[in-house]
Amino acid sequence: MKILLFGATGTAGSGILQACLQAPDVAEVRALARRQLGVAHDKLKVFPHDDYLDYAKVRHAFAGVDACLYALGISVRQASGESEYRRITHDFAMAAA
């Protein structure tokens, strides 16, 4: 199975990444990331990406995946306001879909 993972550097995403890398039925994990993951693994392919409203430059990362795991987000407390919270938790996800 090939997995596309969003949010691999966050708390939930890093745990998901480790679980996927250890899972025998996962052949490949493609991670879209703004920064280095600090993880090296034969199954892992990292796609540097920093515009979560535009995926044109990394569209090839979506090709042939069997599942998409979306762990990108922010808590209400971390957001500077309602518009930032909506942009990150809603708009980013809708752009990826």
PDB file of N, CA and C in Angstrom:
ATOM      1  N   MET A   1       0.839  -1.168   0.000  1.00  0.00           N
ATOM      2  CA  MET A   1       0.000   0.000   0.000  1.00  0.00           C
ATOM      3  C   MET A   1       0.892   1.242   0.000  1.00  0.00           C
ATOM      4  N   LYS A   2       0.460   2.273  -0.751  1.00  0.00           N
ATOM      5  CA  LYS A   2       1.160   3.556  -0.792  1.00  0.00           C
ATOM      6  C   LYS A   2       0.302   4.602  -0.093  1.00  0.00           C
ATOM      7  N   ILE A   3       0.919   5.313   0.840  1.00  0.00           N
ATOM      8  CA  ILE A   3       0.225   6.295   1.679  1.00  0.00           C
ATOM      9  C   ILE A   3       0.737   7.697   1.359  1.00  0.00           C
ATOM     10  N   LEU A   4      -0.179   8.653   1.274  1.00  0.00           N
ATOM     11  CA  LEU A   4       0.177  10.071   1.199  1.00  0.00           C
ATOM     12  C   LEU A   4      -0.174  10.679   2.545  1.00  0.00           C
ATOM     13  N   LEU A   5       0.814  11.263   3.214  1.00  0.00           N
ATOM     14  CA  LEU A   5       0.628  11.783   4.568  1.00  0.00           C
ATOM     15  C   LEU A   5       0.831  13.291   4.615  1.00  0.00           C
ATOM     16  N   PHE A   6      -0.142  13.969   5.176  1.00  0.00           N
ATOM     17  CA  PHE A   6      -0.066  15.407   5.430  1.00  0.00           C
ATOM     18  C   PHE A   6       0.138  15.605   6.932  1.00  0.00           C
ATOM     19  N   GLY A   7       0.991  16.527   7.318  1.00  0.00           N
ATOM     20  CA  GLY A   7       1.169  16.847   8.735  1.00  0.00           C
ATOM     21  C   GLY A   7       2.122  15.924   9.468  1.00  0.00           C
ATOM     22  N   ALA A   8       3.084  15.364   8.766  1.00  0.00           N
ATOM     23  CA  ALA A   8       3.994  14.379   9.366  1.00  0.00           C
ATOM     24  C   ALA A   8       4.900  14.944  10.451  1.00  0.00           C
ATOM     25  N   THR A   9       5.034  16.260  10.543  1.00  0.00           N
ATOM     26  CA  THR A   9       5.909  16.840  11.565  1.00  0.00           C
ATOM     27  C   THR A   9       5.172  17.179  12.856  1.00  0.00           C
ATOM     28  N   GLY A  10       3.871  17.080  12.856  1.00  0.00           N
ATOM     29  CA  GLY A  10       3.089  17.393  14.050  1.00  0.00           C
ATOM     30  C   GLY A  10       3.004  16.222  15.013  1.00  0.00           C
ATOM     31  N   THR A  11       2.338  16.431  16.105  1.00  0.00           N
ATOM     32  CA  THR A  11       2.205  15.408  17.142  1.00  0.00           C
ATOM     33  C   THR A  11       1.515  14.158  16.612  1.00  0.00           C
ATOM     34  N   ALA A  12       0.342  14.310  16.053  1.00  0.00           N
ATOM     35  CA  ALA A  12      -0.389  13.154  15.518  1.00  0.00           C
ATOM     36  C   ALA A  12       0.310  12.604  14.284  1.00  0.00           C
ATOM     37  N   GLY A  13       0.711  13.493  13.390  1.00  0.00           N
ATOM     38  CA  GLY A  13       1.321  13.069  12.137  1.00  0.00           C
ATOM     39  C   GLY A  13       2.612  12.292  12.310  1.00  0.00           C
ATOM     40  N   SER A  14       3.437  12.681  13.270  1.00  0.00           N
ATOM     41  CA  SER A  14       4.691  11.951  13.488  1.00  0.00           C
ATOM     42  C   SER A  14       4.423  10.543  14.005  1.00  0.00           C
ATOM     43  N   GLY A  15       3.396  10.386  14.810  1.00  0.00           N
ATOM     44  CA  GLY A  15       3.006   9.049  15.267  1.00  0.00           C
ATOM     45  C   GLY A  15       2.456   8.205  14.132  1.00  0.00           C
ATOM     46  N   ILE A  16       1.656   8.828  13.287  1.00  0.00           N
ATOM     47  CA  ILE A  16       1.119   8.129  12.112  1.00  0.00           C
ATOM     48  C   ILE A  16       2.260   7.709  11.193  1.00  0.00           C
ATOM     49  N   LEU A  17       3.220   8.603  10.992  1.00  0.00           N
ATOM     50  CA  LEU A  17       4.372   8.286  10.149  1.00  0.00           C
ATOM     51  C   LEU A  17       5.110   7.065  10.674  1.00  0.00           C
ATOM     52  N   GLN A  18       5.407   7.038  11.972  1.00  0.00           N
ATOM     53  CA  GLN A  18       6.121   5.899  12.554  1.00  0.00           C
ATOM     54  C   GLN A  18       5.332   4.600  12.396  1.00  0.00           C
ATOM     55  N   ALA A  19       4.022   4.672  12.617  1.00  0.00           N
ATOM     56  CA  ALA A  19       3.182   3.476  12.474  1.00  0.00           C
ATOM     57  C   ALA A  19       3.194   2.974  11.036  1.00  0.00           C
ATOM     58  N   CYS A  20       3.115   3.888  10.081  1.00  0.00           N
ATOM     59  CA  CYS A  20       3.131   3.498   8.670  1.00  0.00           C
ATOM     60  C   CYS A  20       4.470   2.883   8.279  1.00  0.00           C
ATOM     61  N   LEU A  21       5.558   3.463   8.755  1.00  0.00           N
ATOM     62  CA  LEU A  21       6.878   2.942   8.417  1.00  0.00           C
ATOM     63  C   LEU A  21       7.101   1.554   9.002  1.00  0.00           C
ATOM     64  N   GLN A  22       6.468   1.254  10.125  1.00  0.00           N
ATOM     65  CA  GLN A  22       6.610  -0.057  10.761  1.00  0.00           C
ATOM     66  C   GLN A  22       5.629  -1.091  10.215  1.00  0.00           C
ATOM     67  N   ALA A  23       4.585  -0.647   9.548  1.00  0.00           N
ATOM     68  CA  ALA A  23       3.547  -1.563   9.062  1.00  0.00           C
ATOM     69  C   ALA A  23       4.054  -2.359   7.860  1.00  0.00           C
ATOM     70  N   PRO A  24       3.989  -3.684   7.937  1.00  0.00           N
ATOM     71  CA  PRO A  24       4.496  -4.499   6.830  1.00  0.00           C
ATOM     72  C   PRO A  24       3.691  -4.358   5.538  1.00  0.00           C
ATOM     73  N   ASP A  25       2.431  -3.977   5.631  1.00  0.00           N
ATOM     74  CA  ASP A  25       1.613  -3.840   4.423  1.00  0.00           C
ATOM     75  C   ASP A  25       1.729  -2.465   3.767  1.00  0.00           C
ATOM     76  N   VAL A  26       2.494  -1.563   4.352  1.00  0.00           N
ATOM     77  CA  VAL A  26       2.739  -0.250   3.751  1.00  0.00           C
ATOM     78  C   VAL A  26       4.086  -0.314   3.033  1.00  0.00           C
ATOM     79  N   ALA A  27       4.035  -0.140   1.711  1.00  0.00           N
ATOM     80  CA  ALA A  27       5.247  -0.205   0.897  1.00  0.00           C
ATOM     81  C   ALA A  27       5.934   1.145   0.776  1.00  0.00           C
ATOM     82  N   GLU A  28       5.136   2.222   0.846  1.00  0.00           N
ATOM     83  CA  GLU A  28       5.694   3.554   0.639  1.00  0.00           C
ATOM     84  C   GLU A  28       4.870   4.593   1.375  1.00  0.00           C
ATOM     85  N   VAL A  29       5.563   5.555   1.977  1.00  0.00           N
ATOM     86  CA  VAL A  29       4.910   6.702   2.612  1.00  0.00           C
ATOM     87  C   VAL A  29       5.447   7.952   1.930  1.00  0.00           C
ATOM     88  N   ARG A  30       4.537   8.732   1.369  1.00  0.00           N
ATOM     89  CA  ARG A  30       4.895  10.007   0.759  1.00  0.00           C
ATOM     90  C   ARG A  30       4.422  11.099   1.705  1.00  0.00           C
ATOM     91  N   ALA A  31       5.346  11.891   2.179  1.00  0.00           N
ATOM     92  CA  ALA A  31       5.014  12.936   3.147  1.00  0.00           C
ATOM     93  C   ALA A  31       5.230  14.309   2.526  1.00  0.00           C
ATOM     94  N   LEU A  32       4.185  15.123   2.543  1.00  0.00           N
ATOM     95  CA  LEU A  32       4.310  16.527   2.164  1.00  0.00           C
ATOM     96  C   LEU A  32       4.695  17.273   3.431  1.00  0.00           C
ATOM     97  N   ALA A  33       5.791  18.025   3.376  1.00  0.00           N
ATOM     98  CA  ALA A  33       6.272  18.652   4.611  1.00  0.00           C
ATOM     99  C   ALA A  33       6.909  20.008   4.351  1.00  0.00           C
ATOM    100  N   ARG A  34       6.672  20.936   5.277  1.00  0.00           N
ATOM    101  CA  ARG A  34       7.284  22.269   5.210  1.00  0.00           C
ATOM    102  C   ARG A  34       8.725  22.241   5.680  1.00  0.00           C
ATOM    103  N   ARG A  35       9.052  21.304   6.537  1.00  0.00           N
ATOM    104  CA  ARG A  35      10.410  21.244   7.082  1.00  0.00           C
ATOM    105  C   ARG A  35      10.881  19.786   7.126  1.00  0.00           C
ATOM    106  N   GLN A  36      12.158  19.612   7.418  1.00  0.00           N
ATOM    107  CA  GLN A  36      12.744  18.276   7.496  1.00  0.00           C
ATOM    108  C   GLN A  36      12.025  17.440   8.546  1.00  0.00           C
ATOM    109  N   LEU A  37      11.867  16.164   8.257  1.00  0.00           N
ATOM    110  CA  LEU A  37      11.180  15.272   9.189  1.00  0.00           C
ATOM    111  C   LEU A  37      12.106  14.716  10.259  1.00  0.00           C
ATOM    112  N   GLY A  38      13.389  14.666   9.997  1.00  0.00           N
ATOM    113  CA  GLY A  38      14.317  14.080  10.955  1.00  0.00           C
ATOM    114  C   GLY A  38      14.212  12.566  11.003  1.00  0.00           C
ATOM    115  N   VAL A  39      13.672  11.993   9.942  1.00  0.00           N
ATOM    116  CA  VAL A  39      13.483  10.546   9.848  1.00  0.00           C
ATOM    117  C   VAL A  39      14.009  10.099   8.489  1.00  0.00           C
ATOM    118  N   ALA A  40      14.780   9.031   8.488  1.00  0.00           N
ATOM    119  CA  ALA A  40      15.226   8.424   7.240  1.00  0.00           C
ATOM    120  C   ALA A  40      14.746   6.979   7.228  1.00  0.00           C
ATOM    121  N   HIS A  41      14.155   6.575   6.125  1.00  0.00           N
ATOM    122  CA  HIS A  41      13.643   5.211   6.012  1.00  0.00           C
ATOM    123  C   HIS A  41      13.487   4.885   4.534  1.00  0.00           C
ATOM    124  N   ASP A  42      13.727   3.626   4.183  1.00  0.00           N
ATOM    125  CA  ASP A  42      13.602   3.214   2.781  1.00  0.00           C
ATOM    126  C   ASP A  42      12.198   3.430   2.224  1.00  0.00           C
ATOM    127  N   LYS A  43      11.193   3.327   3.064  1.00  0.00           N
ATOM    128  CA  LYS A  43       9.801   3.490   2.622  1.00  0.00           C
ATOM    129  C   LYS A  43       9.387   4.954   2.463  1.00  0.00           C
ATOM    130  N   LEU A  44      10.171   5.875   3.002  1.00  0.00           N
ATOM    131  CA  LEU A  44       9.768   7.276   3.090  1.00  0.00           C
ATOM    132  C   LEU A  44      10.275   8.115   1.925  1.00  0.00           C
ATOM    133  N   LYS A  45       9.352   8.846   1.326  1.00  0.00           N
ATOM    134  CA  LYS A  45       9.677   9.834   0.302  1.00  0.00           C
ATOM    135  C   LYS A  45       9.092  11.166   0.768  1.00  0.00           C
ATOM    136  N   VAL A  46       9.945  12.160   0.929  1.00  0.00           N
ATOM    137  CA  VAL A  46       9.505  13.472   1.416  1.00  0.00           C
ATOM    138  C   VAL A  46       9.415  14.441   0.237  1.00  0.00           C
ATOM    139  N   PHE A  47       8.306  15.145   0.182  1.00  0.00           N
ATOM    140  CA  PHE A  47       8.066  16.153  -0.843  1.00  0.00           C
ATOM    141  C   PHE A  47       8.005  17.509  -0.147  1.00  0.00           C
ATOM    142  N   PRO A  48       9.071  18.311  -0.243  1.00  0.00           N
ATOM    143  CA  PRO A  48       9.042  19.636   0.381  1.00  0.00           C
ATOM    144  C   PRO A  48       7.902  20.467  -0.208  1.00  0.00           C
ATOM    145  N   HIS A  49       7.128  21.072   0.681  1.00  0.00           N
ATOM    146  CA  HIS A  49       5.952  21.818   0.224  1.00  0.00           C
ATOM    147  C   HIS A  49       5.566  22.836   1.281  1.00  0.00           C
ATOM    148  N   ASP A  50       5.271  24.058   0.835  1.00  0.00           N
ATOM    149  CA  ASP A  50       4.910  25.074   1.824  1.00  0.00           C
ATOM    150  C   ASP A  50       3.660  25.878   1.475  1.00  0.00           C
ATOM    151  N   ASP A  51       2.995  25.542   0.382  1.00  0.00           N
ATOM    152  CA  ASP A  51       1.767  26.257   0.018  1.00  0.00           C
ATOM    153  C   ASP A  51       0.604  25.276   0.026  1.00  0.00           C
ATOM    154  N   TYR A  52      -0.076  25.185   1.142  1.00  0.00           N
ATOM    155  CA  TYR A  52      -1.139  24.196   1.285  1.00  0.00           C
ATOM    156  C   TYR A  52      -2.461  24.624   0.667  1.00  0.00           C
ATOM    157  N   LEU A  53      -2.427  25.695  -0.107  1.00  0.00           N
ATOM    158  CA  LEU A  53      -3.594  26.085  -0.904  1.00  0.00           C
ATOM    159  C   LEU A  53      -3.364  25.797  -2.382  1.00  0.00           C
ATOM    160  N   ASP A  54      -2.134  25.412  -2.745  1.00  0.00           N
ATOM    161  CA  ASP A  54      -1.786  25.144  -4.139  1.00  0.00           C
ATOM    162  C   ASP A  54      -0.866  23.925  -4.202  1.00  0.00           C
ATOM    163  N   TYR A  55      -1.355  22.859  -4.806  1.00  0.00           N
ATOM    164  CA  TYR A  55      -0.605  21.609  -4.872  1.00  0.00           C
ATOM    165  C   TYR A  55      -0.040  21.324  -6.257  1.00  0.00           C
ATOM    166  N   ALA A  56      -0.079  22.302  -7.157  1.00  0.00           N
ATOM    167  CA  ALA A  56       0.362  22.084  -8.533  1.00  0.00           C
ATOM    168  C   ALA A  56       1.799  21.552  -8.608  1.00  0.00           C
ATOM    169  N   LYS A  57       2.696  22.072  -7.790  1.00  0.00           N
ATOM    170  CA  LYS A  57       4.109  21.675  -7.848  1.00  0.00           C
ATOM    171  C   LYS A  57       4.368  20.268  -7.306  1.00  0.00           C
ATOM    172  N   VAL A  58       3.453  19.734  -6.523  1.00  0.00           N
ATOM    173  CA  VAL A  58       3.650  18.392  -5.947  1.00  0.00           C
ATOM    174  C   VAL A  58       2.529  17.425  -6.344  1.00  0.00           C
ATOM    175  N   ARG A  59       1.812  17.772  -7.402  1.00  0.00           N
ATOM    176  CA  ARG A  59       0.698  16.925  -7.844  1.00  0.00           C
ATOM    177  C   ARG A  59       1.153  15.489  -8.107  1.00  0.00           C
ATOM    178  N   HIS A  60       2.377  15.312  -8.580  1.00  0.00           N
ATOM    179  CA  HIS A  60       2.908  13.978  -8.848  1.00  0.00           C
ATOM    180  C   HIS A  60       2.961  13.114  -7.582  1.00  0.00           C
ATOM    181  N   ALA A  61       3.031  13.716  -6.422  1.00  0.00           N
ATOM    182  CA  ALA A  61       3.053  12.953  -5.165  1.00  0.00           C
ATOM    183  C   ALA A  61       1.725  12.246  -4.914  1.00  0.00           C
ATOM    184  N   PHE A  62       0.647  12.753  -5.498  1.00  0.00           N
ATOM    185  CA  PHE A  62      -0.685  12.183  -5.312  1.00  0.00           C
ATOM    186  C   PHE A  62      -0.916  10.947  -6.193  1.00  0.00           C
ATOM    187  N   ALA A  63      -0.152  10.813  -7.261  1.00  0.00           N
ATOM    188  CA  ALA A  63      -0.381   9.753  -8.246  1.00  0.00           C
ATOM    189  C   ALA A  63      -0.105   8.366  -7.673  1.00  0.00           C
ATOM    190  N   GLY A  64      -1.049   7.477  -7.854  1.00  0.00           N
ATOM    191  CA  GLY A  64      -0.869   6.077  -7.482  1.00  0.00           C
ATOM    192  C   GLY A  64      -0.954   5.747  -6.008  1.00  0.00           C
ATOM    193  N   VAL A  65      -1.391   6.681  -5.174  1.00  0.00           N
ATOM    194  CA  VAL A  65      -1.508   6.363  -3.749  1.00  0.00           C
ATOM    195  C   VAL A  65      -2.799   5.592  -3.481  1.00  0.00           C
ATOM    196  N   ASP A  66      -2.762   4.766  -2.469  1.00  0.00           N
ATOM    197  CA  ASP A  66      -3.929   3.975  -2.074  1.00  0.00           C
ATOM    198  C   ASP A  66      -4.727   4.642  -0.966  1.00  0.00           C
ATOM    199  N   ALA A  67      -4.063   5.488  -0.183  1.00  0.00           N
ATOM    200  CA  ALA A  67      -4.747   6.144   0.939  1.00  0.00           C
ATOM    201  C   ALA A  67      -4.077   7.477   1.236  1.00  0.00           C
ATOM    202  N   CYS A  68      -4.882   8.402   1.711  1.00  0.00           N
ATOM    203  CA  CYS A  68      -4.399   9.713   2.127  1.00  0.00           C
ATOM    204  C   CYS A  68      -4.733   9.881   3.605  1.00  0.00           C
ATOM    205  N   LEU A  69      -3.727  10.186   4.404  1.00  0.00           N
ATOM    206  CA  LEU A  69      -3.922  10.416   5.833  1.00  0.00           C
ATOM    207  C   LEU A  69      -3.634  11.887   6.104  1.00  0.00           C
ATOM    208  N   TYR A  70      -4.632  12.582   6.614  1.00  0.00           N
ATOM    209  CA  TYR A  70      -4.537  14.033   6.766  1.00  0.00           C
ATOM    210  C   TYR A  70      -4.479  14.398   8.243  1.00  0.00           C
ATOM    211  N   ALA A  71      -3.268  14.731   8.716  1.00  0.00           N
ATOM    212  CA  ALA A  71      -3.070  15.087  10.123  1.00  0.00           C
ATOM    213  C   ALA A  71      -2.567  16.521  10.256  1.00  0.00           C
ATOM    214  N   LEU A  72      -2.812  17.319   9.244  1.00  0.00           N
ATOM    215  CA  LEU A  72      -2.382  18.714   9.262  1.00  0.00           C
ATOM    216  C   LEU A  72      -3.446  19.541   9.960  1.00  0.00           C
ATOM    217  N   GLY A  73      -3.038  20.349  10.907  1.00  0.00           N
ATOM    218  CA  GLY A  73      -4.028  21.157  11.610  1.00  0.00           C
ATOM    219  C   GLY A  73      -3.396  22.049  12.656  1.00  0.00           C
ATOM    220  N   ILE A  74      -4.257  22.709  13.383  1.00  0.00           N
ATOM    221  CA  ILE A  74      -3.846  23.648  14.421  1.00  0.00           C
ATOM    222  C   ILE A  74      -4.958  23.674  15.466  1.00  0.00           C
ATOM    223  N   SER A  75      -4.606  23.882  16.709  1.00  0.00           N
ATOM    224  CA  SER A  75      -5.642  24.000  17.735  1.00  0.00           C
ATOM    225  C   SER A  75      -6.175  25.429  17.744  1.00  0.00           C
ATOM    226  N   VAL A  76      -7.339  25.603  18.295  1.00  0.00           N
ATOM    227  CA  VAL A  76      -7.933  26.935  18.400  1.00  0.00           C
ATOM    228  C   VAL A  76      -7.002  27.862  19.175  1.00  0.00           C
ATOM    229  N   ARG A  77      -6.354  27.340  20.184  1.00  0.00           N
ATOM    230  CA  ARG A  77      -5.445  28.148  21.009  1.00  0.00           C
ATOM    231  C   ARG A  77      -4.215  28.620  20.246  1.00  0.00           C
ATOM    232  N   GLN A  78      -3.772  27.824  19.303  1.00  0.00           N
ATOM    233  CA  GLN A  78      -2.591  28.185  18.520  1.00  0.00           C
ATOM    234  C   GLN A  78      -2.900  29.230  17.451  1.00  0.00           C
ATOM    235  N   ALA A  79      -4.123  29.275  16.997  1.00  0.00           N
ATOM    236  CA  ALA A  79      -4.505  30.184  15.912  1.00  0.00           C
ATOM    237  C   ALA A  79      -4.558  31.627  16.398  1.00  0.00           C
ATOM    238  N   SER A  80      -4.190  32.529  15.520  1.00  0.00           N
ATOM    239  CA  SER A  80      -4.231  33.952  15.871  1.00  0.00           C
ATOM    240  C   SER A  80      -5.650  34.510  15.812  1.00  0.00           C
ATOM    241  N   GLY A  81      -6.546  33.752  15.231  1.00  0.00           N
ATOM    242  CA  GLY A  81      -7.939  34.178  15.140  1.00  0.00           C
ATOM    243  C   GLY A  81      -8.753  33.178  14.346  1.00  0.00           C
ATOM    244  N   GLU A  82     -10.025  33.466  14.202  1.00  0.00           N
ATOM    245  CA  GLU A  82     -10.934  32.553  13.510  1.00  0.00           C
ATOM    246  C   GLU A  82     -10.547  32.349  12.051  1.00  0.00           C
ATOM    247  N   SER A  83     -10.096  33.400  11.380  1.00  0.00           N
ATOM    248  CA  SER A  83      -9.754  33.267   9.962  1.00  0.00           C
ATOM    249  C   SER A  83      -8.540  32.359   9.761  1.00  0.00           C
ATOM    250  N   GLU A  84      -7.544  32.465  10.624  1.00  0.00           N
ATOM    251  CA  GLU A  84      -6.387  31.578  10.509  1.00  0.00           C
ATOM    252  C   GLU A  84      -6.785  30.137  10.817  1.00  0.00           C
ATOM    253  N   TYR A  85      -7.587  29.946  11.834  1.00  0.00           N
ATOM    254  CA  TYR A  85      -8.040  28.600  12.188  1.00  0.00           C
ATOM    255  C   TYR A  85      -8.797  27.966  11.020  1.00  0.00           C
ATOM    256  N   ARG A  86      -9.708  28.708  10.402  1.00  0.00           N
ATOM    257  CA  ARG A  86     -10.476  28.192   9.267  1.00  0.00           C
ATOM    258  C   ARG A  86      -9.565  27.904   8.073  1.00  0.00           C
ATOM    259  N   ARG A  87      -8.627  28.793   7.808  1.00  0.00           N
ATOM    260  CA  ARG A  87      -7.717  28.603   6.674  1.00  0.00           C
ATOM    261  C   ARG A  87      -6.933  27.299   6.820  1.00  0.00           C
ATOM    262  N   ILE A  88      -6.417  27.055   8.006  1.00  0.00           N
ATOM    263  CA  ILE A  88      -5.587  25.870   8.218  1.00  0.00           C
ATOM    264  C   ILE A  88      -6.410  24.597   8.347  1.00  0.00           C
ATOM    265  N   THR A  89      -7.502  24.629   9.077  1.00  0.00           N
ATOM    266  CA  THR A  89      -8.274  23.405   9.325  1.00  0.00           C
ATOM    267  C   THR A  89      -9.294  23.089   8.237  1.00  0.00           C
ATOM    268  N   HIS A  90      -9.728  24.079   7.504  1.00  0.00           N
ATOM    269  CA  HIS A  90     -10.738  23.855   6.464  1.00  0.00           C
ATOM    270  C   HIS A  90     -10.169  24.065   5.062  1.00  0.00           C
ATOM    271  N   ASP A  91      -9.672  25.263   4.803  1.00  0.00           N
ATOM    272  CA  ASP A  91      -9.242  25.611   3.451  1.00  0.00           C
ATOM    273  C   ASP A  91      -8.091  24.739   2.950  1.00  0.00           C
ATOM    274  N   PHE A  92      -7.119  24.455   3.809  1.00  0.00           N
ATOM    275  CA  PHE A  92      -6.009  23.593   3.401  1.00  0.00           C
ATOM    276  C   PHE A  92      -6.508  22.198   3.034  1.00  0.00           C
ATOM    277  N   ALA A  93      -7.397  21.651   3.831  1.00  0.00           N
ATOM    278  CA  ALA A  93      -7.929  20.309   3.558  1.00  0.00           C
ATOM    279  C   ALA A  93      -8.740  20.289   2.270  1.00  0.00           C
ATOM    280  N   MET A  94      -9.545  21.303   2.052  1.00  0.00           N
ATOM    281  CA  MET A  94     -10.361  21.358   0.840  1.00  0.00           C
ATOM    282  C   MET A  94      -9.488  21.502  -0.406  1.00  0.00           C
ATOM    283  N   ALA A  95      -8.405  22.243  -0.319  1.00  0.00           N
ATOM    284  CA  ALA A  95      -7.494  22.381  -1.457  1.00  0.00           C
ATOM    285  C   ALA A  95      -6.830  21.049  -1.790  1.00  0.00           C
ATOM    286  N   ALA A  96      -6.515  20.265  -0.765  1.00  0.00           N
ATOM    287  CA  ALA A  96      -5.890  18.958  -0.981  1.00  0.00           C
ATOM    288  C   ALA A  96      -6.856  17.959  -1.596  1.00  0.00           C
ATOM    289  N   ALA A  97      -8.124  18.095  -1.245  1.00  0.00           N
ATOM    290  CA  ALA A  97      -9.141  17.163  -1.764  1.00  0.00           C
ATOM    291  C   ALA A  97      -9.312  17.356  -3.252  1.00  0.00           C
TER     292      ALA A  97
END
